[in-house]
N, C-alpha and C. Protein backbone atom coordinates (compact mmCIF):
# COMPACT_ATOMS: atom_id res chain seq x y z
N MET A 1 -20.69 -27.51 -14.94
CA MET A 1 -19.97 -27.75 -13.70
C MET A 1 -18.49 -27.46 -13.90
N ARG A 2 -17.88 -26.94 -12.85
CA ARG A 2 -16.48 -26.50 -12.96
C ARG A 2 -15.54 -27.55 -12.35
N HIS A 3 -15.53 -28.75 -12.90
CA HIS A 3 -14.64 -29.77 -12.38
C HIS A 3 -13.21 -29.49 -12.80
N LYS A 4 -12.28 -29.64 -11.88
CA LYS A 4 -10.84 -29.49 -12.11
C LYS A 4 -10.46 -28.10 -12.66
N ILE A 5 -11.22 -27.10 -12.31
CA ILE A 5 -10.89 -25.72 -12.69
C ILE A 5 -10.61 -24.96 -11.40
N ALA A 6 -9.37 -24.60 -11.20
CA ALA A 6 -8.98 -23.94 -9.95
C ALA A 6 -8.65 -22.48 -10.22
N GLY A 7 -8.83 -21.65 -9.22
CA GLY A 7 -8.45 -20.25 -9.32
C GLY A 7 -9.57 -19.36 -9.80
N ASN A 8 -9.40 -18.08 -9.55
CA ASN A 8 -10.37 -17.08 -9.93
C ASN A 8 -9.87 -16.38 -11.20
N ARG A 9 -10.73 -16.16 -12.16
CA ARG A 9 -10.32 -15.54 -13.42
C ARG A 9 -10.24 -14.02 -13.31
N LEU A 10 -10.82 -13.45 -12.26
CA LEU A 10 -10.77 -12.01 -11.98
C LEU A 10 -11.32 -11.17 -13.14
N SER A 11 -12.19 -11.73 -13.94
CA SER A 11 -12.82 -11.04 -15.08
C SER A 11 -11.78 -10.47 -16.05
N ARG A 12 -10.72 -11.23 -16.27
CA ARG A 12 -9.65 -10.80 -17.16
C ARG A 12 -9.23 -11.97 -18.04
N ASN A 13 -8.64 -11.64 -19.20
CA ASN A 13 -8.09 -12.72 -20.00
C ASN A 13 -6.73 -13.11 -19.41
N ARG A 14 -6.10 -14.11 -20.02
CA ARG A 14 -4.90 -14.70 -19.42
C ARG A 14 -3.76 -13.70 -19.23
N SER A 15 -3.49 -12.90 -20.24
CA SER A 15 -2.35 -11.97 -20.14
C SER A 15 -2.61 -10.87 -19.12
N LEU A 16 -3.82 -10.34 -19.07
CA LEU A 16 -4.13 -9.29 -18.10
C LEU A 16 -4.15 -9.84 -16.67
N ARG A 17 -4.65 -11.07 -16.52
CA ARG A 17 -4.66 -11.71 -15.20
C ARG A 17 -3.23 -11.94 -14.71
N LYS A 18 -2.36 -12.38 -15.61
CA LYS A 18 -0.96 -12.62 -15.27
C LYS A 18 -0.28 -11.31 -14.86
N ALA A 19 -0.55 -10.24 -15.58
CA ALA A 19 0.03 -8.93 -15.26
C ALA A 19 -0.49 -8.41 -13.93
N THR A 20 -1.78 -8.59 -13.67
CA THR A 20 -2.36 -8.15 -12.40
C THR A 20 -1.73 -8.88 -11.23
N LEU A 21 -1.60 -10.19 -11.35
CA LEU A 21 -1.01 -10.97 -10.25
C LEU A 21 0.46 -10.63 -10.07
N ARG A 22 1.19 -10.37 -11.16
CA ARG A 22 2.59 -9.97 -11.06
C ARG A 22 2.70 -8.65 -10.30
N ASP A 23 1.84 -7.69 -10.64
CA ASP A 23 1.89 -6.40 -9.97
C ASP A 23 1.51 -6.50 -8.50
N LEU A 24 0.53 -7.36 -8.18
CA LEU A 24 0.18 -7.58 -6.78
C LEU A 24 1.37 -8.16 -6.01
N ALA A 25 2.04 -9.14 -6.61
CA ALA A 25 3.19 -9.76 -5.95
C ALA A 25 4.32 -8.75 -5.76
N LYS A 26 4.60 -7.96 -6.79
CA LYS A 26 5.66 -6.94 -6.67
C LYS A 26 5.34 -5.96 -5.55
N SER A 27 4.12 -5.46 -5.54
CA SER A 27 3.74 -4.48 -4.52
C SER A 27 3.81 -5.07 -3.12
N THR A 28 3.39 -6.32 -2.99
CA THR A 28 3.42 -6.95 -1.67
C THR A 28 4.86 -7.13 -1.19
N LEU A 29 5.74 -7.54 -2.07
CA LEU A 29 7.13 -7.76 -1.67
C LEU A 29 7.85 -6.43 -1.39
N ILE A 30 7.51 -5.37 -2.10
CA ILE A 30 8.16 -4.08 -1.89
C ILE A 30 7.61 -3.38 -0.64
N ASP A 31 6.28 -3.26 -0.58
CA ASP A 31 5.65 -2.47 0.49
C ASP A 31 5.33 -3.29 1.73
N GLN A 32 5.31 -4.61 1.62
CA GLN A 32 5.03 -5.55 2.70
C GLN A 32 3.58 -5.54 3.15
N ARG A 33 2.79 -4.58 2.67
CA ARG A 33 1.36 -4.56 2.95
C ARG A 33 0.67 -3.76 1.85
N ILE A 34 -0.37 -4.36 1.26
CA ILE A 34 -1.14 -3.64 0.25
C ILE A 34 -2.62 -3.78 0.57
N CYS A 35 -3.40 -2.85 0.08
CA CYS A 35 -4.85 -2.90 0.23
C CYS A 35 -5.44 -3.21 -1.13
N THR A 36 -6.21 -4.29 -1.23
CA THR A 36 -6.80 -4.70 -2.49
C THR A 36 -8.11 -5.42 -2.21
N THR A 37 -8.77 -5.88 -3.26
CA THR A 37 -10.03 -6.60 -3.06
C THR A 37 -9.75 -8.02 -2.56
N LYS A 38 -10.76 -8.61 -1.98
CA LYS A 38 -10.59 -9.93 -1.38
C LYS A 38 -10.22 -10.99 -2.43
N ALA A 39 -10.87 -10.95 -3.60
CA ALA A 39 -10.61 -11.94 -4.64
C ALA A 39 -9.17 -11.82 -5.16
N LYS A 40 -8.72 -10.59 -5.40
CA LYS A 40 -7.35 -10.39 -5.88
C LYS A 40 -6.34 -10.81 -4.83
N ALA A 41 -6.63 -10.54 -3.56
CA ALA A 41 -5.71 -10.90 -2.48
C ALA A 41 -5.56 -12.42 -2.38
N LYS A 42 -6.67 -13.14 -2.53
CA LYS A 42 -6.59 -14.60 -2.44
C LYS A 42 -5.76 -15.19 -3.57
N GLU A 43 -5.88 -14.62 -4.76
CA GLU A 43 -5.09 -15.11 -5.89
C GLU A 43 -3.63 -14.64 -5.78
N GLY A 44 -3.42 -13.40 -5.35
CA GLY A 44 -2.07 -12.87 -5.22
C GLY A 44 -1.27 -13.57 -4.14
N ARG A 45 -1.97 -14.00 -3.08
CA ARG A 45 -1.29 -14.70 -1.99
C ARG A 45 -0.60 -15.97 -2.47
N LYS A 46 -1.25 -16.68 -3.39
CA LYS A 46 -0.66 -17.92 -3.91
C LYS A 46 0.69 -17.64 -4.58
N LEU A 47 0.73 -16.59 -5.40
CA LEU A 47 1.95 -16.27 -6.12
C LEU A 47 3.05 -15.77 -5.17
N VAL A 48 2.69 -14.95 -4.20
CA VAL A 48 3.68 -14.42 -3.26
C VAL A 48 4.29 -15.55 -2.45
N GLU A 49 3.48 -16.49 -2.01
CA GLU A 49 4.01 -17.59 -1.21
C GLU A 49 4.92 -18.50 -2.04
N LYS A 50 4.59 -18.70 -3.32
CA LYS A 50 5.47 -19.48 -4.19
C LYS A 50 6.80 -18.77 -4.39
N LEU A 51 6.76 -17.45 -4.55
CA LEU A 51 8.00 -16.69 -4.74
C LEU A 51 8.89 -16.74 -3.50
N ILE A 52 8.30 -16.66 -2.32
CA ILE A 52 9.09 -16.71 -1.09
C ILE A 52 9.69 -18.10 -0.91
N THR A 53 8.94 -19.14 -1.29
CA THR A 53 9.48 -20.49 -1.24
C THR A 53 10.65 -20.64 -2.20
N LEU A 54 10.54 -20.03 -3.40
CA LEU A 54 11.68 -20.03 -4.33
C LEU A 54 12.87 -19.30 -3.71
N GLY A 55 12.60 -18.20 -3.01
CA GLY A 55 13.66 -17.41 -2.40
C GLY A 55 14.41 -18.16 -1.32
N LYS A 56 13.74 -19.10 -0.67
CA LYS A 56 14.39 -19.88 0.38
C LYS A 56 15.37 -20.89 -0.19
N LYS A 57 15.19 -21.28 -1.46
CA LYS A 57 16.10 -22.25 -2.08
C LYS A 57 17.43 -21.61 -2.43
N ASP A 58 17.42 -20.41 -2.95
CA ASP A 58 18.61 -19.63 -3.29
C ASP A 58 19.57 -20.38 -4.22
N THR A 59 19.04 -20.84 -5.35
CA THR A 59 19.88 -21.40 -6.40
C THR A 59 19.73 -20.53 -7.64
N LEU A 60 20.59 -20.73 -8.60
CA LEU A 60 20.52 -19.95 -9.83
C LEU A 60 19.22 -20.23 -10.57
N ALA A 61 18.80 -21.48 -10.59
CA ALA A 61 17.55 -21.84 -11.26
C ALA A 61 16.35 -21.17 -10.58
N ALA A 62 16.38 -21.12 -9.24
CA ALA A 62 15.30 -20.46 -8.51
C ALA A 62 15.27 -18.97 -8.80
N ARG A 63 16.46 -18.35 -8.89
CA ARG A 63 16.52 -16.92 -9.22
C ARG A 63 15.96 -16.66 -10.62
N ARG A 64 16.27 -17.52 -11.55
CA ARG A 64 15.76 -17.34 -12.91
C ARG A 64 14.25 -17.51 -12.98
N ARG A 65 13.73 -18.47 -12.22
CA ARG A 65 12.27 -18.67 -12.19
C ARG A 65 11.58 -17.47 -11.55
N ALA A 66 12.19 -16.92 -10.49
CA ALA A 66 11.61 -15.74 -9.85
C ALA A 66 11.66 -14.53 -10.78
N PHE A 67 12.77 -14.39 -11.53
CA PHE A 67 12.86 -13.27 -12.47
C PHE A 67 11.85 -13.41 -13.59
N ALA A 68 11.57 -14.64 -14.03
CA ALA A 68 10.58 -14.87 -15.08
C ALA A 68 9.20 -14.38 -14.64
N ILE A 69 8.93 -14.42 -13.33
CA ILE A 69 7.64 -13.96 -12.82
C ILE A 69 7.67 -12.46 -12.53
N LEU A 70 8.70 -11.98 -11.83
CA LEU A 70 8.73 -10.59 -11.37
C LEU A 70 9.26 -9.60 -12.40
N CYS A 71 10.18 -10.03 -13.26
CA CYS A 71 10.77 -9.15 -14.29
C CYS A 71 11.43 -7.91 -13.70
N ASP A 72 12.11 -8.06 -12.57
CA ASP A 72 12.78 -6.93 -11.93
C ASP A 72 14.00 -7.47 -11.17
N HIS A 73 15.20 -7.14 -11.65
CA HIS A 73 16.43 -7.67 -11.06
C HIS A 73 16.61 -7.25 -9.60
N SER A 74 16.35 -5.98 -9.30
CA SER A 74 16.57 -5.51 -7.93
C SER A 74 15.59 -6.16 -6.95
N LEU A 75 14.35 -6.38 -7.39
CA LEU A 75 13.37 -7.02 -6.52
C LEU A 75 13.72 -8.49 -6.30
N VAL A 76 14.20 -9.16 -7.33
CA VAL A 76 14.61 -10.56 -7.19
C VAL A 76 15.78 -10.66 -6.22
N SER A 77 16.72 -9.74 -6.34
CA SER A 77 17.87 -9.79 -5.44
C SER A 77 17.45 -9.50 -3.99
N SER A 78 16.54 -8.55 -3.78
CA SER A 78 16.07 -8.30 -2.41
C SER A 78 15.23 -9.46 -1.89
N LEU A 79 14.50 -10.14 -2.78
CA LEU A 79 13.72 -11.32 -2.37
C LEU A 79 14.66 -12.40 -1.82
N PHE A 80 15.77 -12.64 -2.49
CA PHE A 80 16.68 -13.71 -2.08
C PHE A 80 17.59 -13.30 -0.93
N LYS A 81 17.92 -12.00 -0.81
CA LYS A 81 18.86 -11.57 0.22
C LYS A 81 18.18 -11.10 1.51
N GLU A 82 16.99 -10.48 1.39
CA GLU A 82 16.38 -9.86 2.57
C GLU A 82 15.06 -10.51 2.97
N ILE A 83 14.17 -10.73 2.01
CA ILE A 83 12.81 -11.16 2.35
C ILE A 83 12.76 -12.64 2.73
N ALA A 84 13.27 -13.52 1.86
CA ALA A 84 13.19 -14.96 2.11
C ALA A 84 13.93 -15.41 3.37
N PRO A 85 15.12 -14.86 3.71
CA PRO A 85 15.78 -15.30 4.94
C PRO A 85 14.96 -15.04 6.22
N ARG A 86 14.05 -14.06 6.18
CA ARG A 86 13.20 -13.83 7.36
C ARG A 86 12.26 -15.00 7.62
N PHE A 87 11.97 -15.79 6.58
CA PHE A 87 11.01 -16.88 6.69
C PHE A 87 11.69 -18.26 6.75
N LYS A 88 12.99 -18.32 7.06
CA LYS A 88 13.70 -19.60 6.99
C LYS A 88 13.18 -20.61 8.00
N ASN A 89 12.63 -20.18 9.13
CA ASN A 89 12.12 -21.11 10.14
C ASN A 89 10.62 -21.39 9.97
N ARG A 90 10.01 -20.80 8.99
CA ARG A 90 8.56 -20.94 8.79
C ARG A 90 8.30 -21.84 7.59
N ILE A 91 7.35 -22.75 7.74
CA ILE A 91 7.00 -23.65 6.64
C ILE A 91 5.64 -23.22 6.11
N GLY A 92 5.64 -22.32 5.15
CA GLY A 92 4.38 -21.82 4.59
C GLY A 92 3.75 -20.76 5.49
N GLY A 93 2.66 -20.19 5.02
CA GLY A 93 1.97 -19.15 5.78
C GLY A 93 2.77 -17.87 5.85
N TYR A 94 3.31 -17.45 4.71
CA TYR A 94 4.15 -16.25 4.69
C TYR A 94 3.33 -14.97 4.61
N THR A 95 2.07 -15.08 4.24
CA THR A 95 1.21 -13.89 4.10
C THR A 95 -0.04 -14.08 4.94
N ARG A 96 -0.69 -12.95 5.20
CA ARG A 96 -1.99 -13.00 5.87
C ARG A 96 -2.92 -12.01 5.19
N ILE A 97 -4.22 -12.31 5.26
CA ILE A 97 -5.24 -11.43 4.70
C ILE A 97 -6.07 -10.90 5.85
N ILE A 98 -6.10 -9.57 5.99
CA ILE A 98 -6.83 -8.93 7.08
C ILE A 98 -8.00 -8.14 6.48
N PRO A 99 -9.24 -8.43 6.87
CA PRO A 99 -10.38 -7.69 6.33
C PRO A 99 -10.31 -6.21 6.73
N PHE A 100 -10.71 -5.35 5.81
CA PHE A 100 -10.63 -3.91 6.07
C PHE A 100 -12.04 -3.33 6.08
N ASN A 101 -12.53 -2.83 4.98
CA ASN A 101 -13.90 -2.34 4.87
C ASN A 101 -14.34 -2.49 3.43
N ASN A 102 -15.55 -2.03 3.12
CA ASN A 102 -16.04 -2.12 1.77
C ASN A 102 -15.73 -0.84 1.01
N ARG A 103 -15.40 -0.98 -0.27
CA ARG A 103 -15.09 0.18 -1.11
C ARG A 103 -16.36 0.98 -1.34
N ILE A 104 -16.22 2.30 -1.38
CA ILE A 104 -17.37 3.18 -1.46
C ILE A 104 -18.11 3.05 -2.79
N GLY A 105 -17.41 3.00 -3.90
CA GLY A 105 -18.06 3.03 -5.20
C GLY A 105 -18.89 1.80 -5.51
N ASP A 106 -18.33 0.59 -5.32
CA ASP A 106 -19.02 -0.63 -5.73
C ASP A 106 -19.23 -1.61 -4.58
N ASN A 107 -18.91 -1.21 -3.37
CA ASN A 107 -19.13 -2.03 -2.17
C ASN A 107 -18.33 -3.34 -2.21
N ALA A 108 -17.20 -3.34 -2.88
CA ALA A 108 -16.34 -4.52 -2.92
C ALA A 108 -15.62 -4.68 -1.59
N GLU A 109 -15.43 -5.92 -1.17
CA GLU A 109 -14.73 -6.18 0.09
C GLU A 109 -13.25 -5.88 -0.07
N MET A 110 -12.73 -4.95 0.73
CA MET A 110 -11.32 -4.60 0.68
C MET A 110 -10.60 -5.29 1.83
N VAL A 111 -9.38 -5.74 1.56
CA VAL A 111 -8.57 -6.42 2.58
C VAL A 111 -7.13 -5.93 2.47
N PHE A 112 -6.37 -6.18 3.53
CA PHE A 112 -4.93 -5.96 3.51
C PHE A 112 -4.26 -7.30 3.24
N LEU A 113 -3.38 -7.34 2.27
CA LEU A 113 -2.53 -8.51 2.03
C LEU A 113 -1.15 -8.13 2.51
N GLU A 114 -0.66 -8.83 3.54
CA GLU A 114 0.63 -8.44 4.11
C GLU A 114 1.48 -9.65 4.42
N LEU A 115 2.78 -9.41 4.49
CA LEU A 115 3.72 -10.45 4.90
C LEU A 115 3.65 -10.62 6.40
N THR A 116 3.79 -11.85 6.88
CA THR A 116 3.71 -12.07 8.32
C THR A 116 4.96 -11.60 9.05
N GLU A 117 6.12 -11.71 8.40
CA GLU A 117 7.37 -11.24 8.98
C GLU A 117 7.78 -9.97 8.25
N LYS A 118 7.75 -8.83 8.94
CA LYS A 118 8.08 -7.56 8.30
C LYS A 118 9.36 -7.01 8.88
N ASP A 119 10.07 -6.20 8.08
CA ASP A 119 11.30 -5.59 8.59
C ASP A 119 11.04 -4.24 9.24
N ARG A 120 9.84 -3.70 9.09
CA ARG A 120 9.50 -2.43 9.73
C ARG A 120 8.04 -2.46 10.15
N VAL A 121 7.68 -1.63 11.11
CA VAL A 121 6.31 -1.56 11.59
C VAL A 121 5.52 -0.68 10.64
N ILE A 122 4.39 -1.18 10.17
CA ILE A 122 3.55 -0.44 9.24
C ILE A 122 2.31 0.02 9.98
N ILE A 123 2.08 1.33 9.97
CA ILE A 123 0.92 1.91 10.63
C ILE A 123 0.04 2.52 9.56
N SER A 124 -1.26 2.20 9.61
CA SER A 124 -2.16 2.76 8.62
C SER A 124 -2.37 4.25 8.87
N GLY A 125 -2.93 4.96 7.89
CA GLY A 125 -3.07 6.41 7.94
C GLY A 125 -3.89 6.90 9.12
N GLN A 126 -5.00 6.22 9.45
CA GLN A 126 -5.87 6.67 10.52
C GLN A 126 -5.16 6.59 11.86
N LYS A 127 -4.46 5.49 12.11
CA LYS A 127 -3.74 5.35 13.37
C LYS A 127 -2.62 6.37 13.45
N LEU A 128 -1.97 6.62 12.32
CA LEU A 128 -0.87 7.57 12.28
C LEU A 128 -1.36 8.97 12.65
N LYS A 129 -2.52 9.37 12.12
CA LYS A 129 -3.07 10.69 12.44
C LYS A 129 -3.39 10.79 13.93
N LYS A 130 -3.99 9.73 14.49
CA LYS A 130 -4.32 9.75 15.91
C LYS A 130 -3.06 9.83 16.76
N GLN A 131 -2.04 9.05 16.39
CA GLN A 131 -0.79 9.07 17.14
C GLN A 131 -0.13 10.43 17.07
N SER A 132 -0.08 11.03 15.88
CA SER A 132 0.58 12.32 15.74
C SER A 132 -0.16 13.39 16.52
N ALA A 133 -1.49 13.32 16.57
CA ALA A 133 -2.26 14.29 17.35
C ALA A 133 -1.97 14.12 18.84
N GLU A 134 -1.90 12.86 19.29
CA GLU A 134 -1.60 12.61 20.70
C GLU A 134 -0.18 13.04 21.04
N GLU A 135 0.77 12.78 20.12
CA GLU A 135 2.15 13.15 20.38
C GLU A 135 2.32 14.65 20.46
N THR A 136 1.61 15.40 19.63
CA THR A 136 1.74 16.86 19.67
C THR A 136 1.18 17.41 20.97
N VAL A 137 0.10 16.82 21.46
CA VAL A 137 -0.44 17.26 22.75
C VAL A 137 0.53 16.95 23.87
N GLU A 138 1.11 15.73 23.84
CA GLU A 138 2.08 15.35 24.87
C GLU A 138 3.33 16.21 24.78
N ASP A 139 3.81 16.47 23.55
CA ASP A 139 5.00 17.28 23.37
C ASP A 139 4.78 18.69 23.88
N ALA A 140 3.59 19.22 23.65
CA ALA A 140 3.31 20.58 24.09
C ALA A 140 3.25 20.65 25.62
N GLN A 141 2.78 19.59 26.25
CA GLN A 141 2.67 19.59 27.70
C GLN A 141 4.01 19.31 28.38
N THR A 142 4.81 18.41 27.80
CA THR A 142 6.02 18.00 28.49
C THR A 142 7.26 18.80 28.10
N LYS A 143 7.38 19.19 26.82
CA LYS A 143 8.58 19.87 26.36
C LYS A 143 8.38 21.38 26.32
N PRO A 144 9.33 22.13 26.84
CA PRO A 144 9.22 23.58 26.72
C PRO A 144 9.47 24.00 25.28
N VAL A 145 8.77 25.03 24.85
CA VAL A 145 8.89 25.50 23.48
C VAL A 145 10.07 26.44 23.37
N ALA A 146 10.97 26.17 22.43
CA ALA A 146 12.11 27.04 22.21
C ALA A 146 11.69 28.18 21.29
N VAL A 147 12.03 29.38 21.66
CA VAL A 147 11.63 30.54 20.88
C VAL A 147 12.73 30.86 19.89
N ASP A 148 12.40 30.84 18.63
CA ASP A 148 13.33 31.20 17.57
C ASP A 148 12.63 32.24 16.70
N PRO A 149 13.09 33.50 16.74
CA PRO A 149 12.38 34.55 16.02
C PRO A 149 12.34 34.32 14.52
N LYS A 150 13.39 33.76 13.94
CA LYS A 150 13.38 33.52 12.50
C LYS A 150 12.35 32.47 12.12
N ALA A 151 12.26 31.40 12.91
CA ALA A 151 11.30 30.34 12.62
C ALA A 151 9.87 30.86 12.75
N ALA A 152 9.63 31.72 13.75
CA ALA A 152 8.29 32.26 13.94
C ALA A 152 7.87 33.13 12.76
N VAL A 153 8.82 33.92 12.24
CA VAL A 153 8.51 34.77 11.09
C VAL A 153 8.19 33.92 9.87
N VAL A 154 8.96 32.87 9.65
CA VAL A 154 8.73 32.01 8.50
C VAL A 154 7.36 31.34 8.61
N LYS A 155 7.01 30.87 9.81
CA LYS A 155 5.72 30.22 9.99
C LYS A 155 4.59 31.19 9.71
N VAL A 156 4.71 32.42 10.16
CA VAL A 156 3.67 33.41 9.94
C VAL A 156 3.53 33.69 8.45
N GLU A 157 4.66 33.83 7.74
CA GLU A 157 4.61 34.10 6.31
C GLU A 157 3.96 32.94 5.56
N LYS A 158 4.26 31.72 5.94
CA LYS A 158 3.67 30.58 5.27
C LYS A 158 2.18 30.52 5.51
N SER A 159 1.76 30.79 6.72
CA SER A 159 0.34 30.70 7.02
C SER A 159 -0.44 31.78 6.27
N LYS A 160 0.14 33.00 6.11
CA LYS A 160 -0.54 34.04 5.35
C LYS A 160 -0.62 33.66 3.88
N ALA A 161 0.45 33.08 3.34
CA ALA A 161 0.44 32.67 1.94
C ALA A 161 -0.57 31.56 1.70
N ASP A 162 -0.66 30.64 2.65
CA ASP A 162 -1.63 29.56 2.51
C ASP A 162 -3.05 30.09 2.52
N VAL A 163 -3.31 31.09 3.39
CA VAL A 163 -4.65 31.66 3.47
C VAL A 163 -4.99 32.40 2.19
N LYS A 164 -4.05 33.17 1.63
CA LYS A 164 -4.30 33.92 0.41
C LYS A 164 -4.50 32.99 -0.79
N GLY A 165 -3.70 31.92 -0.87
CA GLY A 165 -3.76 31.02 -2.02
C GLY A 165 -4.78 29.91 -1.87
N ALA A 166 -5.54 29.90 -0.78
CA ALA A 166 -6.47 28.81 -0.53
C ALA A 166 -7.57 28.76 -1.59
N LYS A 167 -8.07 29.92 -2.00
CA LYS A 167 -9.16 29.94 -2.99
C LYS A 167 -8.66 29.45 -4.34
N ALA A 168 -7.45 29.76 -4.70
CA ALA A 168 -6.92 29.37 -6.00
C ALA A 168 -6.59 27.88 -6.05
N THR A 169 -6.16 27.29 -4.93
CA THR A 169 -5.74 25.90 -4.95
C THR A 169 -6.90 24.92 -4.83
N VAL A 170 -8.00 25.30 -4.22
CA VAL A 170 -9.12 24.39 -4.03
C VAL A 170 -9.95 24.38 -5.31
N LYS A 171 -9.97 23.23 -5.98
CA LYS A 171 -10.74 23.08 -7.21
C LYS A 171 -11.81 22.03 -6.99
N PRO A 172 -13.04 22.32 -7.35
CA PRO A 172 -14.09 21.32 -7.18
C PRO A 172 -13.90 20.16 -8.13
N THR A 173 -14.32 18.98 -7.69
CA THR A 173 -14.20 17.80 -8.53
C THR A 173 -15.28 17.84 -9.61
N ALA A 174 -15.22 16.89 -10.53
CA ALA A 174 -16.16 16.87 -11.65
C ALA A 174 -17.59 16.69 -11.16
N ALA A 175 -17.78 15.86 -10.14
CA ALA A 175 -19.13 15.65 -9.64
C ALA A 175 -19.68 16.92 -9.00
N LYS A 176 -18.83 17.64 -8.28
CA LYS A 176 -19.29 18.88 -7.65
C LYS A 176 -19.58 19.93 -8.70
N LYS A 177 -18.76 19.98 -9.76
CA LYS A 177 -19.00 20.95 -10.83
C LYS A 177 -20.35 20.70 -11.48
N MET A 178 -20.69 19.44 -11.63
CA MET A 178 -21.92 19.10 -12.33
C MET A 178 -23.15 19.57 -11.54
N PHE A 179 -23.06 19.50 -10.19
CA PHE A 179 -24.21 19.84 -9.38
C PHE A 179 -24.15 21.23 -8.78
N GLN A 180 -23.14 22.02 -9.11
CA GLN A 180 -23.05 23.36 -8.59
C GLN A 180 -24.13 24.23 -9.23
N ARG A 181 -24.61 25.16 -8.43
CA ARG A 181 -25.60 26.09 -8.93
C ARG A 181 -24.89 27.20 -9.67
N LYS A 182 -25.41 27.55 -10.81
CA LYS A 182 -24.81 28.64 -11.58
C LYS A 182 -25.30 29.97 -11.02
N THR A 183 -24.35 30.87 -10.76
CA THR A 183 -24.71 32.19 -10.26
C THR A 183 -24.38 33.21 -11.33
N GLY A 184 -24.83 34.40 -11.14
CA GLY A 184 -24.59 35.45 -12.13
C GLY A 184 -23.13 35.84 -12.22
N GLY A 185 -22.34 35.64 -11.15
CA GLY A 185 -20.94 36.03 -11.12
C GLY A 185 -20.05 35.17 -11.98
N GLU A 186 -20.42 33.91 -12.19
CA GLU A 186 -19.56 32.99 -12.94
C GLU A 186 -19.96 32.88 -14.35
């Protein structure tokens, strides 16, 4: 029975677990949103919330404790100057975990670990592609196209170079190489 044993070991020994959680916390504080497994996100959230609470105190001792965990002077300074002041009116709940999908290789549950108060809007790749496609259609319909002969020539040259170099740049992955049929030409 696991009495009085808290936390997930994440199938790592103490030093590797500590390094993993440190890297999760660093990435979350820098990028404000990361994609990771559900178990790692639940453990990483604890550390991130403790660091933000330290950042709200803004004393020398708190800075030293944060540096002992993060080991990065610039990140500690941004934690105390930029990140923690955003949460001054909030008592806990600095992060949220949003379910995403399952990973293809091992079917692990993937989630987004993100800060609740962000300084910029973060759009995932799929939404960004949809938005850019919609914007290009709208731009083409609403804005007149300016004709620049030099730009048109450059675009044509790039497209020809891309077409010629397409065969050389596309390399099959290891799995595709393994299952490719051998022909007499190769």
